[in-house]
Amino acid sequence: MTIAFADPAPAVERPAAPALDGLPLTVGLSAREVLLVGAGPVSVRRAQTFLEAGALVRVVAPRVDPAMAALAAREGDHLVVVDRHFRPADLDTPWMVHVATGDPAVDAEVASLCEQRRIWCVTAGDAALGSARVPARTAVATPAGFVRIAVDSADPRRSVRVGRHVARSLATAPAGLRARRRPEAGWVVLVGGSGDGDLLTVRARRLVHAADVLVVDGAADPGLLAEIDDDVEVIEVGAALPADRVAGLLAARSAAGHGVVRIAAADSLADRARELEAAGVTFEIVPGVIDGGA
């Protein structure tokens, strides 16, 4: 019998990750001028984006989309449309420029002049011409406020899809959504159930991850504690700590601007609610937790 040993398969060389060609950055545009060269549908969408950021938008174009004209009529002094061709002097005042004329030669000219003057320029027709890009954006609501998500890639449609996927993922596994800055007023949420992290509803998990203080009966679920930030205060309460002390503890933490989640057994939820009411604590009840003993 002849046994032939094949040569080992050659190692697969993975392509090196491309060098970053840009730095993701949030810029403050409030009360700062942004110039849009071109007034077509793309510019209309971008004008709305810049207006939402508080910018003062000036549009220069020989032809103006009706939607742009309607937007200018609504926005007043915040959006000014100049009906003419671009001039180099238009670059004297803006902090940022967006170009979408549909004419590659004009787009390239504006981008080149912006480069000379060190003005950030977004070129919609050919992103490689510009010095900046506008990422796809979405937001996730948390008890501590909105978290904005920006995704940038070579394919804008892919960026939008990735952003939506991230937003959905955070809605079901919201690690890292807790605010680091203390709000002016704290909040208290009473969650009914066993406290098993695997049985929490989506809303309950989001509140747990947004909390600064987590209060549980007995031993806390190790799996749940492994998910939350290290600096979250975990308080385990039981028969040794009177009910009024627990309610007072929650009142003190929320008064200090903390977000507090109290997880209590489903059969004791009504009692815990009455204790908080007696202590004058404003709270919300989230009963949507499946009791592990049900």
C-alpha atoms as a PDB file:
ATOM      1  CA  MET A   1       0.000   0.000   0.000  1.00  0.00           C
ATOM      2  CA  THR A   2       1.325   3.344  -1.001  1.00  0.00           C
ATOM      3  CA  ILE A   3       0.520   6.352   1.122  1.00  0.00           C
ATOM      4  CA  ALA A   4       1.091   9.755  -0.387  1.00  0.00           C
ATOM      5  CA  PHE A   5       1.300  12.811   1.806  1.00  0.00           C
ATOM      6  CA  ALA A   6       0.101  15.963   0.135  1.00  0.00           C
ATOM      7  CA  ASP A   7       2.026  19.147   0.613  1.00  0.00           C
ATOM      8  CA  PRO A   8       0.507  21.261   3.350  1.00  0.00           C
ATOM      9  CA  ALA A   9      -1.854  23.905   2.069  1.00  0.00           C
ATOM     10  CA  PRO A  10      -0.149  27.260   1.714  1.00  0.00           C
ATOM     11  CA  ALA A  11      -0.999  29.767   4.383  1.00  0.00           C
ATOM     12  CA  VAL A  12      -3.679  32.190   3.321  1.00  0.00           C
ATOM     13  CA  GLU A  13      -2.386  35.732   3.417  1.00  0.00           C
ATOM     14  CA  ARG A  14      -5.019  38.058   4.751  1.00  0.00           C
ATOM     15  CA  PRO A  15      -4.991  41.526   3.262  1.00  0.00           C
ATOM     16  CA  ALA A  16      -3.697  44.133   5.635  1.00  0.00           C
ATOM     17  CA  ALA A  17      -6.292  46.512   7.027  1.00  0.00           C
ATOM     18  CA  PRO A  18      -6.225  49.746   5.060  1.00  0.00           C
ATOM     19  CA  ALA A  19      -4.777  52.775   6.752  1.00  0.00           C
ATOM     20  CA  LEU A  20      -7.404  55.148   8.059  1.00  0.00           C
ATOM     21  CA  ASP A  21      -7.951  57.867   5.498  1.00  0.00           C
ATOM     22  CA  GLY A  22      -9.802  60.112   7.874  1.00  0.00           C
ATOM     23  CA  LEU A  23     -10.547  60.870  11.498  1.00  0.00           C
ATOM     24  CA  PRO A  24     -14.203  60.600  12.610  1.00  0.00           C
ATOM     25  CA  LEU A  25     -14.960  63.926  14.230  1.00  0.00           C
ATOM     26  CA  THR A  26     -17.967  65.851  15.528  1.00  0.00           C
ATOM     27  CA  VAL A  27     -17.755  69.516  14.598  1.00  0.00           C
ATOM     28  CA  GLY A  28     -19.688  72.374  16.150  1.00  0.00           C
ATOM     29  CA  LEU A  29     -21.529  74.247  13.404  1.00  0.00           C
ATOM     30  CA  SER A  30     -23.950  76.265  15.514  1.00  0.00           C
ATOM     31  CA  ALA A  31     -24.121  79.860  14.175  1.00  0.00           C
ATOM     32  CA  ARG A  32     -21.290  79.081  11.732  1.00  0.00           C
ATOM     33  CA  GLU A  33     -21.662  79.440   7.981  1.00  0.00           C
ATOM     34  CA  VAL A  34     -21.765  76.416   5.695  1.00  0.00           C
ATOM     35  CA  LEU A  35     -21.696  77.018   1.936  1.00  0.00           C
ATOM     36  CA  LEU A  36     -23.578  74.697  -0.401  1.00  0.00           C
ATOM     37  CA  VAL A  37     -22.535  74.910  -4.046  1.00  0.00           C
ATOM     38  CA  GLY A  38     -25.434  73.392  -5.962  1.00  0.00           C
ATOM     39  CA  ALA A  39     -29.126  73.340  -5.125  1.00  0.00           C
ATOM     40  CA  GLY A  40     -30.392  69.963  -6.298  1.00  0.00           C
ATOM     41  CA  PRO A  41     -32.021  67.139  -4.297  1.00  0.00           C
ATOM     42  CA  VAL A  42     -28.724  66.067  -2.676  1.00  0.00           C
ATOM     43  CA  SER A  43     -28.054  69.625  -1.530  1.00  0.00           C
ATOM     44  CA  VAL A  44     -31.582  69.869  -0.127  1.00  0.00           C
ATOM     45  CA  ARG A  45     -30.947  66.849   2.110  1.00  0.00           C
ATOM     46  CA  ARG A  46     -27.568  68.193   3.181  1.00  0.00           C
ATOM     47  CA  ALA A  47     -29.033  71.636   3.891  1.00  0.00           C
ATOM     48  CA  GLN A  48     -31.490  70.029   6.293  1.00  0.00           C
ATOM     49  CA  THR A  49     -28.627  68.161   7.988  1.00  0.00           C
ATOM     50  CA  PHE A  50     -26.585  71.333   8.475  1.00  0.00           C
ATOM     51  CA  LEU A  51     -29.613  73.298   9.662  1.00  0.00           C
ATOM     52  CA  GLU A  52     -30.309  70.619  12.278  1.00  0.00           C
ATOM     53  CA  ALA A  53     -26.728  71.149  13.475  1.00  0.00           C
ATOM     54  CA  GLY A  54     -27.484  74.858  13.942  1.00  0.00           C
ATOM     55  CA  ALA A  55     -25.455  76.094  10.972  1.00  0.00           C
ATOM     56  CA  LEU A  56     -26.162  79.203   8.925  1.00  0.00           C
ATOM     57  CA  VAL A  57     -26.516  77.827   5.406  1.00  0.00           C
ATOM     58  CA  ARG A  58     -25.793  79.775   2.217  1.00  0.00           C
ATOM     59  CA  VAL A  59     -26.581  78.177  -1.132  1.00  0.00           C
ATOM     60  CA  VAL A  60     -25.068  79.287  -4.435  1.00  0.00           C
ATOM     61  CA  ALA A  61     -26.474  77.814  -7.658  1.00  0.00           C
ATOM     62  CA  PRO A  62     -27.753  79.038 -11.030  1.00  0.00           C
ATOM     63  CA  ARG A  63     -30.698  76.611 -10.812  1.00  0.00           C
ATOM     64  CA  VAL A  64     -32.574  75.998  -7.581  1.00  0.00           C
ATOM     65  CA  ASP A  65     -34.664  72.920  -6.835  1.00  0.00           C
ATOM     66  CA  PRO A  66     -38.220  73.891  -5.740  1.00  0.00           C
ATOM     67  CA  ALA A  67     -37.683  71.931  -2.533  1.00  0.00           C
ATOM     68  CA  MET A  68     -34.672  74.107  -1.733  1.00  0.00           C
ATOM     69  CA  ALA A  69     -36.670  77.260  -2.396  1.00  0.00           C
ATOM     70  CA  ALA A  70     -39.440  76.014  -0.103  1.00  0.00           C
ATOM     71  CA  LEU A  71     -36.896  75.158   2.603  1.00  0.00           C
ATOM     72  CA  ALA A  72     -35.391  78.650   2.354  1.00  0.00           C
ATOM     73  CA  ALA A  73     -38.843  80.200   2.707  1.00  0.00           C
ATOM     74  CA  ARG A  74     -39.412  78.266   5.926  1.00  0.00           C
ATOM     75  CA  GLU A  75     -35.969  78.823   7.461  1.00  0.00           C
ATOM     76  CA  GLY A  76     -35.697  82.567   6.897  1.00  0.00           C
ATOM     77  CA  ASP A  77     -32.264  84.010   7.701  1.00  0.00           C
ATOM     78  CA  HIS A  78     -30.878  80.575   8.560  1.00  0.00           C
ATOM     79  CA  LEU A  79     -30.894  79.560   4.869  1.00  0.00           C
ATOM     80  CA  VAL A  80     -30.031  82.057   2.133  1.00  0.00           C
ATOM     81  CA  VAL A  81     -30.123  81.103  -1.550  1.00  0.00           C
ATOM     82  CA  VAL A  82     -28.066  83.070  -4.096  1.00  0.00           C
ATOM     83  CA  ASP A  83     -29.221  82.435  -7.675  1.00  0.00           C
ATOM     84  CA  ARG A  84     -25.966  82.520  -9.667  1.00  0.00           C
ATOM     85  CA  HIS A  85     -22.819  80.562 -10.498  1.00  0.00           C
ATOM     86  CA  PHE A  86     -20.109  79.943  -7.915  1.00  0.00           C
ATOM     87  CA  ARG A  87     -17.386  82.580  -7.455  1.00  0.00           C
ATOM     88  CA  PRO A  88     -14.068  82.157  -5.586  1.00  0.00           C
ATOM     89  CA  ALA A  89     -15.083  85.023  -3.298  1.00  0.00           C
ATOM     90  CA  ASP A  90     -17.880  82.760  -1.960  1.00  0.00           C
ATOM     91  CA  LEU A  91     -15.155  81.008   0.054  1.00  0.00           C
ATOM     92  CA  ASP A  92     -14.291  84.110   2.071  1.00  0.00           C
ATOM     93  CA  THR A  93     -16.660  83.377   4.979  1.00  0.00           C
ATOM     94  CA  PRO A  94     -17.738  79.703   5.321  1.00  0.00           C
ATOM     95  CA  TRP A  95     -16.302  77.230   7.810  1.00  0.00           C
ATOM     96  CA  MET A  96     -17.300  74.276   5.631  1.00  0.00           C
ATOM     97  CA  VAL A  97     -18.310  73.757   1.998  1.00  0.00           C
ATOM     98  CA  HIS A  98     -20.549  71.123   0.424  1.00  0.00           C
ATOM     99  CA  VAL A  99     -20.402  70.671  -3.358  1.00  0.00           C
ATOM    100  CA  ALA A 100     -23.061  68.874  -5.412  1.00  0.00           C
ATOM    101  CA  THR A 101     -23.396  70.647  -8.761  1.00  0.00           C
ATOM    102  CA  GLY A 102     -23.581  67.617 -11.054  1.00  0.00           C
ATOM    103  CA  ASP A 103     -20.683  69.100 -13.055  1.00  0.00           C
ATOM    104  CA  PRO A 104     -17.411  67.267 -12.241  1.00  0.00           C
ATOM    105  CA  ALA A 105     -15.311  70.206 -13.457  1.00  0.00           C
ATOM    106  CA  VAL A 106     -17.047  72.669 -11.139  1.00  0.00           C
ATOM    107  CA  ASP A 107     -16.915  70.247  -8.216  1.00  0.00           C
ATOM    108  CA  ALA A 108     -13.172  69.765  -8.751  1.00  0.00           C
ATOM    109  CA  GLU A 109     -12.575  73.516  -9.011  1.00  0.00           C
ATOM    110  CA  VAL A 110     -14.392  74.241  -5.741  1.00  0.00           C
ATOM    111  CA  ALA A 111     -12.627  71.366  -3.969  1.00  0.00           C
ATOM    112  CA  SER A 112      -9.241  72.609  -5.177  1.00  0.00           C
ATOM    113  CA  LEU A 113      -9.902  76.163  -3.998  1.00  0.00           C
ATOM    114  CA  CYS A 114     -11.060  74.865  -0.603  1.00  0.00           C
ATOM    115  CA  GLU A 115      -7.846  72.878  -0.309  1.00  0.00           C
ATOM    116  CA  GLN A 116      -5.795  75.998  -0.999  1.00  0.00           C
ATOM    117  CA  ARG A 117      -7.724  77.947   1.625  1.00  0.00           C
ATOM    118  CA  ARG A 118      -7.771  75.124   4.177  1.00  0.00           C
ATOM    119  CA  ILE A 119     -11.564  74.900   4.253  1.00  0.00           C
ATOM    120  CA  TRP A 120     -13.152  71.504   4.892  1.00  0.00           C
ATOM    121  CA  CYS A 121     -14.981  70.443   1.731  1.00  0.00           C
ATOM    122  CA  VAL A 122     -17.518  67.654   1.137  1.00  0.00           C
ATOM    123  CA  THR A 123     -17.893  66.642  -2.508  1.00  0.00           C
ATOM    124  CA  ALA A 124     -21.041  64.592  -3.078  1.00  0.00           C
ATOM    125  CA  GLY A 125     -20.215  63.559  -6.642  1.00  0.00           C
ATOM    126  CA  ASP A 126     -16.745  62.197  -5.884  1.00  0.00           C
ATOM    127  CA  ALA A 127     -15.859  61.824  -2.214  1.00  0.00           C
ATOM    128  CA  ALA A 128     -12.160  61.465  -3.074  1.00  0.00           C
ATOM    129  CA  LEU A 129     -12.040  65.083  -4.245  1.00  0.00           C
ATOM    130  CA  GLY A 130     -13.065  66.496  -0.885  1.00  0.00           C
ATOM    131  CA  SER A 131     -11.369  66.728   2.489  1.00  0.00           C
ATOM    132  CA  ALA A 132     -14.405  65.698   4.561  1.00  0.00           C
ATOM    133  CA  ARG A 133     -17.361  63.305   4.417  1.00  0.00           C
ATOM    134  CA  VAL A 134     -20.806  63.334   6.014  1.00  0.00           C
ATOM    135  CA  PRO A 135     -21.425  59.932   7.635  1.00  0.00           C
ATOM    136  CA  ALA A 136     -24.681  58.043   7.823  1.00  0.00           C
ATOM    137  CA  ARG A 137     -26.323  58.921  11.116  1.00  0.00           C
ATOM    138  CA  THR A 138     -28.861  57.437  13.491  1.00  0.00           C
ATOM    139  CA  ALA A 139     -29.615  57.656  17.197  1.00  0.00           C
ATOM    140  CA  VAL A 140     -30.582  55.357  20.064  1.00  0.00           C
ATOM    141  CA  ALA A 141     -32.808  56.627  22.863  1.00  0.00           C
ATOM    142  CA  THR A 142     -31.703  55.800  26.406  1.00  0.00           C
ATOM    143  CA  PRO A 143     -33.013  56.966  29.788  1.00  0.00           C
ATOM    144  CA  ALA A 144     -29.965  59.243  29.964  1.00  0.00           C
ATOM    145  CA  GLY A 145     -30.631  60.800  26.544  1.00  0.00           C
ATOM    146  CA  PHE A 146     -29.920  60.027  22.913  1.00  0.00           C
ATOM    147  CA  VAL A 147     -26.712  58.357  21.775  1.00  0.00           C
ATOM    148  CA  ARG A 148     -25.747  59.323  18.235  1.00  0.00           C
ATOM    149  CA  ILE A 149     -24.219  56.766  15.883  1.00  0.00           C
ATOM    150  CA  ALA A 150     -22.242  57.785  12.800  1.00  0.00           C
ATOM    151  CA  VAL A 151     -21.015  55.282  10.204  1.00  0.00           C
ATOM    152  CA  ASP A 152     -18.588  56.128   7.411  1.00  0.00           C
ATOM    153  CA  SER A 153     -17.603  53.829   4.538  1.00  0.00           C
ATOM    154  CA  ALA A 154     -16.933  53.989   0.819  1.00  0.00           C
ATOM    155  CA  ASP A 155     -20.545  52.986   0.152  1.00  0.00           C
ATOM    156  CA  PRO A 156     -23.133  55.409   1.651  1.00  0.00           C
ATOM    157  CA  ARG A 157     -25.958  52.864   1.375  1.00  0.00           C
ATOM    158  CA  ARG A 158     -23.870  50.295   3.225  1.00  0.00           C
ATOM    159  CA  SER A 159     -23.144  52.878   5.912  1.00  0.00           C
ATOM    160  CA  VAL A 160     -26.875  53.420   6.418  1.00  0.00           C
ATOM    161  CA  ARG A 161     -27.485  49.673   6.738  1.00  0.00           C
ATOM    162  CA  VAL A 162     -24.627  49.238   9.218  1.00  0.00           C
ATOM    163  CA  GLY A 163     -25.877  52.172  11.308  1.00  0.00           C
ATOM    164  CA  ARG A 164     -29.355  50.679  11.513  1.00  0.00           C
ATOM    165  CA  HIS A 165     -27.912  47.305  12.484  1.00  0.00           C
ATOM    166  CA  VAL A 166     -25.848  48.877  15.280  1.00  0.00           C
ATOM    167  CA  ALA A 167     -28.895  50.762  16.552  1.00  0.00           C
ATOM    168  CA  ARG A 168     -30.950  47.546  16.660  1.00  0.00           C
ATOM    169  CA  SER A 169     -28.121  45.711  18.413  1.00  0.00           C
ATOM    170  CA  LEU A 170     -27.829  48.387  21.084  1.00  0.00           C
ATOM    171  CA  ALA A 171     -31.575  48.242  21.646  1.00  0.00           C
ATOM    172  CA  THR A 172     -31.319  44.567  22.630  1.00  0.00           C
ATOM    173  CA  ALA A 173     -27.853  44.556  24.242  1.00  0.00           C
ATOM    174  CA  PRO A 174     -27.364  48.134  25.385  1.00  0.00           C
ATOM    175  CA  ALA A 175     -23.965  47.890  27.064  1.00  0.00           C
ATOM    176  CA  GLY A 176     -22.173  51.205  27.364  1.00  0.00           C
ATOM    177  CA  LEU A 177     -25.251  53.413  27.078  1.00  0.00           C
ATOM    178  CA  ARG A 178     -25.004  54.824  30.592  1.00  0.00           C
ATOM    179  CA  ALA A 179     -24.397  58.557  30.823  1.00  0.00           C
ATOM    180  CA  ARG A 180     -21.188  59.607  32.565  1.00  0.00           C
ATOM    181  CA  ARG A 181     -22.408  63.098  33.361  1.00  0.00           C
ATOM    182  CA  ARG A 182     -24.919  63.366  36.144  1.00  0.00           C
ATOM    183  CA  PRO A 183     -28.269  64.835  35.079  1.00  0.00           C
ATOM    184  CA  GLU A 184     -29.904  67.512  37.189  1.00  0.00           C
ATOM    185  CA  ALA A 185     -32.457  65.009  38.489  1.00  0.00           C
ATOM    186  CA  GLY A 186     -32.125  61.266  38.960  1.00  0.00           C
ATOM    187  CA  TRP A 187     -34.728  58.603  38.320  1.00  0.00           C
ATOM    188  CA  VAL A 188     -35.950  55.364  39.892  1.00  0.00           C
ATOM    189  CA  VAL A 189     -37.385  52.347  38.079  1.00  0.00           C
ATOM    190  CA  LEU A 190     -38.932  49.366  39.849  1.00  0.00           C
ATOM    191  CA  VAL A 191     -38.470  46.167  37.821  1.00  0.00           C
ATOM    192  CA  GLY A 192     -40.499  43.141  38.836  1.00  0.00           C
ATOM    193  CA  GLY A 193     -39.170  39.617  38.380  1.00  0.00           C
ATOM    194  CA  SER A 194     -36.465  37.193  39.373  1.00  0.00           C
ATOM    195  CA  GLY A 195     -33.549  39.374  38.299  1.00  0.00           C
ATOM    196  CA  ASP A 196     -32.159  36.652  36.046  1.00  0.00           C
ATOM    197  CA  GLY A 197     -30.354  38.574  33.304  1.00  0.00           C
ATOM    198  CA  ASP A 198     -31.430  36.047  30.663  1.00  0.00           C
ATOM    199  CA  LEU A 199     -35.088  36.691  31.444  1.00  0.00           C
ATOM    200  CA  LEU A 200     -35.115  40.475  31.343  1.00  0.00           C
ATOM    201  CA  THR A 201     -37.166  42.143  28.648  1.00  0.00           C
ATOM    202  CA  VAL A 202     -35.499  44.496  26.193  1.00  0.00           C
ATOM    203  CA  ARG A 203     -36.766  47.589  28.040  1.00  0.00           C
ATOM    204  CA  ALA A 204     -35.666  46.247  31.423  1.00  0.00           C
ATOM    205  CA  ARG A 205     -32.171  45.468  30.107  1.00  0.00           C
ATOM    206  CA  ARG A 206     -31.849  48.946  28.635  1.00  0.00           C
ATOM    207  CA  LEU A 207     -32.770  50.493  31.982  1.00  0.00           C
ATOM    208  CA  VAL A 208     -30.330  48.255  33.854  1.00  0.00           C
ATOM    209  CA  HIS A 209     -27.501  49.287  31.531  1.00  0.00           C
ATOM    210  CA  ALA A 210     -28.426  52.954  31.884  1.00  0.00           C
ATOM    211  CA  ALA A 211     -28.496  52.845  35.694  1.00  0.00           C
ATOM    212  CA  ASP A 212     -25.835  54.200  38.044  1.00  0.00           C
ATOM    213  CA  VAL A 213     -27.196  52.137  40.945  1.00  0.00           C
ATOM    214  CA  LEU A 214     -28.606  48.605  40.757  1.00  0.00           C
ATOM    215  CA  VAL A 215     -30.530  47.322  43.789  1.00  0.00           C
ATOM    216  CA  VAL A 216     -31.312  43.599  43.928  1.00  0.00           C
ATOM    217  CA  ASP A 217     -32.831  41.167  46.414  1.00  0.00           C
ATOM    218  CA  GLY A 218     -30.347  38.539  47.582  1.00  0.00           C
ATOM    219  CA  ALA A 219     -27.435  37.501  45.383  1.00  0.00           C
ATOM    220  CA  ALA A 220     -27.215  39.314  42.076  1.00  0.00           C
ATOM    221  CA  ASP A 221     -27.093  37.353  38.821  1.00  0.00           C
ATOM    222  CA  PRO A 222     -23.365  37.068  37.924  1.00  0.00           C
ATOM    223  CA  GLY A 223     -24.209  37.112  34.215  1.00  0.00           C
ATOM    224  CA  LEU A 224     -26.061  40.391  34.564  1.00  0.00           C
ATOM    225  CA  LEU A 225     -23.318  41.967  36.674  1.00  0.00           C
ATOM    226  CA  ALA A 226     -20.709  40.974  34.084  1.00  0.00           C
ATOM    227  CA  GLU A 227     -22.490  43.102  31.484  1.00  0.00           C
ATOM    228  CA  ILE A 228     -22.735  46.379  33.393  1.00  0.00           C
ATOM    229  CA  ASP A 229     -20.006  48.979  33.819  1.00  0.00           C
ATOM    230  CA  ASP A 230     -17.499  48.409  36.613  1.00  0.00           C
ATOM    231  CA  ASP A 231     -18.376  51.653  38.375  1.00  0.00           C
ATOM    232  CA  VAL A 232     -22.091  50.867  38.703  1.00  0.00           C
ATOM    233  CA  GLU A 233     -23.002  50.609  42.397  1.00  0.00           C
ATOM    234  CA  VAL A 234     -24.643  47.246  43.137  1.00  0.00           C
ATOM    235  CA  ILE A 235     -26.599  47.057  46.407  1.00  0.00           C
ATOM    236  CA  GLU A 236     -27.853  43.680  47.612  1.00  0.00           C
ATOM    237  CA  VAL A 237     -30.739  43.947  50.060  1.00  0.00           C
ATOM    238  CA  GLY A 238     -32.593  41.349  52.078  1.00  0.00           C
ATOM    239  CA  ALA A 239     -34.293  40.736  55.385  1.00  0.00           C
ATOM    240  CA  ALA A 240     -31.423  42.390  57.284  1.00  0.00           C
ATOM    241  CA  LEU A 241     -32.208  45.776  55.739  1.00  0.00           C
ATOM    242  CA  PRO A 242     -35.656  47.200  56.650  1.00  0.00           C
ATOM    243  CA  ALA A 243     -37.943  48.221  53.800  1.00  0.00           C
ATOM    244  CA  ASP A 244     -37.975  51.872  54.835  1.00  0.00           C
ATOM    245  CA  ARG A 245     -34.158  51.920  54.763  1.00  0.00           C
ATOM    246  CA  VAL A 246     -34.176  50.576  51.206  1.00  0.00           C
ATOM    247  CA  ALA A 247     -36.728  53.164  50.077  1.00  0.00           C
ATOM    248  CA  GLY A 248     -34.718  55.918  51.751  1.00  0.00           C
ATOM    249  CA  LEU A 249     -31.580  54.655  50.021  1.00  0.00           C
ATOM    250  CA  LEU A 250     -33.240  54.876  46.610  1.00  0.00           C
ATOM    251  CA  ALA A 251     -34.568  58.346  47.403  1.00  0.00           C
ATOM    252  CA  ALA A 252     -31.084  59.566  48.382  1.00  0.00           C
ATOM    253  CA  ARG A 253     -29.405  58.134  45.282  1.00  0.00           C
ATOM    254  CA  SER A 254     -31.971  59.606  42.887  1.00  0.00           C
ATOM    255  CA  ALA A 255     -31.832  62.976  44.686  1.00  0.00           C
ATOM    256  CA  ALA A 256     -28.072  62.979  44.009  1.00  0.00           C
ATOM    257  CA  GLY A 257     -28.770  62.695  40.269  1.00  0.00           C
ATOM    258  CA  HIS A 258     -28.293  58.951  39.920  1.00  0.00           C
ATOM    259  CA  GLY A 259     -30.345  56.596  37.793  1.00  0.00           C
ATOM    260  CA  VAL A 260     -31.569  53.737  40.023  1.00  0.00           C
ATOM    261  CA  VAL A 261     -33.046  50.370  39.067  1.00  0.00           C
ATOM    262  CA  ARG A 262     -34.588  48.238  41.812  1.00  0.00           C
ATOM    263  CA  ILE A 263     -35.185  44.605  40.815  1.00  0.00           C
ATOM    264  CA  ALA A 264     -37.660  42.875  43.091  1.00  0.00           C
ATOM    265  CA  ALA A 265     -39.435  39.521  43.023  1.00  0.00           C
ATOM    266  CA  ALA A 266     -42.650  39.646  41.047  1.00  0.00           C
ATOM    267  CA  ASP A 267     -44.775  38.593  44.033  1.00  0.00           C
ATOM    268  CA  SER A 268     -43.389  41.478  46.117  1.00  0.00           C
ATOM    269  CA  LEU A 269     -43.652  44.165  43.428  1.00  0.00           C
ATOM    270  CA  ALA A 270     -46.783  45.763  44.892  1.00  0.00           C
ATOM    271  CA  ASP A 271     -45.196  45.931  48.357  1.00  0.00           C
ATOM    272  CA  ARG A 272     -42.024  47.552  47.000  1.00  0.00           C
ATOM    273  CA  ALA A 273     -44.132  50.103  45.131  1.00  0.00           C
ATOM    274  CA  ARG A 274     -46.049  51.040  48.298  1.00  0.00           C
ATOM    275  CA  GLU A 275     -42.790  51.474  50.203  1.00  0.00           C
ATOM    276  CA  LEU A 276     -41.456  53.874  47.574  1.00  0.00           C
ATOM    277  CA  GLU A 277     -44.714  55.827  47.581  1.00  0.00           C
ATOM    278  CA  ALA A 278     -44.557  56.107  51.373  1.00  0.00           C
ATOM    279  CA  ALA A 279     -41.022  57.467  51.077  1.00  0.00           C
ATOM    280  CA  GLY A 280     -42.162  60.076  48.560  1.00  0.00           C
ATOM    281  CA  VAL A 281     -40.070  58.591  45.725  1.00  0.00           C
ATOM    282  CA  THR A 282     -41.186  59.243  42.142  1.00  0.00           C
ATOM    283  CA  PHE A 283     -40.688  56.036  40.201  1.00  0.00           C
ATOM    284  CA  GLU A 284     -41.731  54.011  37.176  1.00  0.00           C
ATOM    285  CA  ILE A 285     -42.776  50.352  37.204  1.00  0.00           C
ATOM    286  CA  VAL A 286     -41.576  47.986  34.500  1.00  0.00           C
ATOM    287  CA  PRO A 287     -43.401  44.704  35.117  1.00  0.00           C
ATOM    288  CA  GLY A 288     -42.255  43.101  31.884  1.00  0.00           C
ATOM    289  CA  VAL A 289     -39.818  40.595  33.397  1.00  0.00           C
ATOM    290  CA  ILE A 290     -40.507  36.873  33.312  1.00  0.00           C
ATOM    291  CA  ASP A 291     -40.264  35.428  36.803  1.00  0.00           C
ATOM    292  CA  GLY A 292     -37.907  32.465  36.794  1.00  0.00           C
ATOM    293  CA  GLY A 293     -40.289  30.589  39.119  1.00  0.00           C
ATOM    294  CA  ALA A 294     -43.377  31.105  36.960  1.00  0.00           C
END
